[in-house]
């Protein structure tokens, strides 16, 4: 009554939507750590706000936390 007929059939024909674009890959965790002998050394600084386990990104002139936005400027060297 007043509705479109056969709507259910159209939905069955379509199937699953295809994903377009590039799939985001997780950061390469093996770049954050380095093993020296029997010890594991962290290559990047931890965020002081978020705590251990959240690393800061290294840029030319600053270090940045992608989780909370904390930024540390590095002076001219």
Protein backbone atom coordinates (compact mmCIF):
# COMPACT_ATOMS: atom_id res chain seq x y z
CA UNK A 1 0.00 0.00 0.00
CA UNK A 2 1.70 3.11 -1.22
CA UNK A 3 5.19 1.63 -0.93
CA UNK A 4 7.67 0.56 -3.51
CA UNK A 5 7.26 -3.01 -4.61
CA UNK A 6 10.21 -5.34 -4.91
CA UNK A 7 12.56 -3.35 -2.69
CA UNK A 8 13.82 -6.45 -0.97
CA UNK A 9 14.95 -8.02 -4.25
CA UNK A 10 17.10 -4.97 -5.10
CA UNK A 11 18.95 -5.22 -1.79
CA UNK A 12 19.69 -8.90 -2.40
CA UNK A 13 21.15 -8.21 -5.85
CA UNK A 14 23.60 -5.57 -4.65
CA UNK A 15 25.51 -7.73 -2.20
CA UNK A 16 28.32 -6.36 -0.07
CA UNK A 17 29.74 -2.92 -0.83
CA UNK A 18 33.27 -2.91 -2.19
CA UNK A 19 35.75 -0.87 -0.17
CA UNK A 20 37.51 1.83 -2.15
CA UNK A 21 40.77 3.56 -1.43
CA UNK A 22 43.83 2.49 0.46
CA UNK A 23 43.52 0.48 3.63
CA UNK A 24 45.30 2.17 6.54
CA UNK A 25 48.10 0.05 7.88
CA UNK A 26 49.11 0.09 11.51
CA UNK A 27 52.39 1.75 12.41
CA UNK A 28 55.41 -0.47 12.03
CA UNK A 29 56.00 -1.36 15.67
CA UNK A 30 59.34 -2.99 14.93
CA UNK A 31 60.76 0.49 14.21
CA UNK A 32 59.98 1.63 17.77
CA UNK A 33 62.16 -0.99 19.49
CA UNK A 34 65.69 -2.28 19.05
CA UNK A 35 67.26 -5.31 20.65
CA UNK A 36 70.79 -5.09 22.00
CA UNK A 37 71.88 -8.45 23.35
CA UNK A 38 69.23 -9.57 25.81
CA UNK A 39 67.81 -6.06 26.35
CA UNK A 40 65.08 -4.26 24.44
CA UNK A 41 65.70 -0.55 23.88
CA UNK A 42 63.04 1.99 22.88
CA UNK A 43 64.02 4.19 19.94
CA UNK A 44 61.48 6.93 20.60
CA UNK A 45 60.44 8.98 23.62
CA UNK A 46 57.26 8.16 25.53
CA UNK A 47 54.60 10.84 25.90
CA UNK A 48 54.73 12.36 29.40
CA UNK A 49 50.95 12.92 29.44
CA UNK A 50 49.80 9.54 28.09
CA UNK A 51 52.46 7.46 29.81
CA UNK A 52 54.50 4.48 28.69
CA UNK A 53 53.43 2.71 25.51
CA UNK A 54 52.49 5.88 23.61
CA UNK A 55 55.39 7.09 21.51
CA UNK A 56 56.08 10.60 20.27
CA UNK A 57 56.57 11.23 16.55
CA UNK A 58 59.89 12.74 15.53
CA UNK A 59 59.73 15.69 13.13
CA UNK A 60 62.43 18.13 12.00
CA UNK A 61 61.81 20.73 14.68
CA UNK A 62 59.48 19.06 17.20
CA UNK A 63 58.26 15.88 18.85
CA UNK A 64 54.50 15.28 18.73
CA UNK A 65 52.08 12.88 20.43
CA UNK A 66 49.35 11.78 18.02
CA UNK A 67 47.07 10.67 20.82
CA UNK A 68 46.82 13.78 23.03
CA UNK A 69 48.51 16.45 20.88
CA UNK A 70 51.37 17.17 23.28
CA UNK A 71 54.21 18.95 21.41
CA UNK A 72 57.81 19.59 22.42
CA UNK A 73 59.75 22.08 20.32
CA UNK A 74 63.37 21.29 19.63
CA UNK A 75 65.61 24.34 19.48
CA UNK A 76 68.19 24.94 16.78
CA UNK A 77 71.03 22.47 16.97
